[in-house]
Amino acid sequence: MDHVDEKVVQYMWGSESFRYAQVDAIGSSGGFITIWDNSWFFNTSALGEEGLLAVVGSWKGKEGLVAFINVYAPQDLAIKSSL
């Protein structure tokens, strides 16, 4: 996935109440995206690297931080075995 346009994300999400973080595609590996409802979850930071996307924040009305982490591993067996 190349860098995705915010209007495309809004169309996928179905409303204007959202935020998102993404990791762009690198070579033939697809990128990925995390989308959340910003009226319930307030992100404080996001980290995107090759194969990893982490979003940290808090739930509305709750104390403490939570993290959502998406991990992508290559499907090529030779590359996968080197992880």
Foldseek 3Di string as FASTA:
>chain_A
DADDDPVVVCVVVVHPQKDKDKDCDDPPRHIDMDMDGNVFWPWDDWDDDVQKIKTKTDTPPDDDIDMDMGGDADPPPVRRVVD
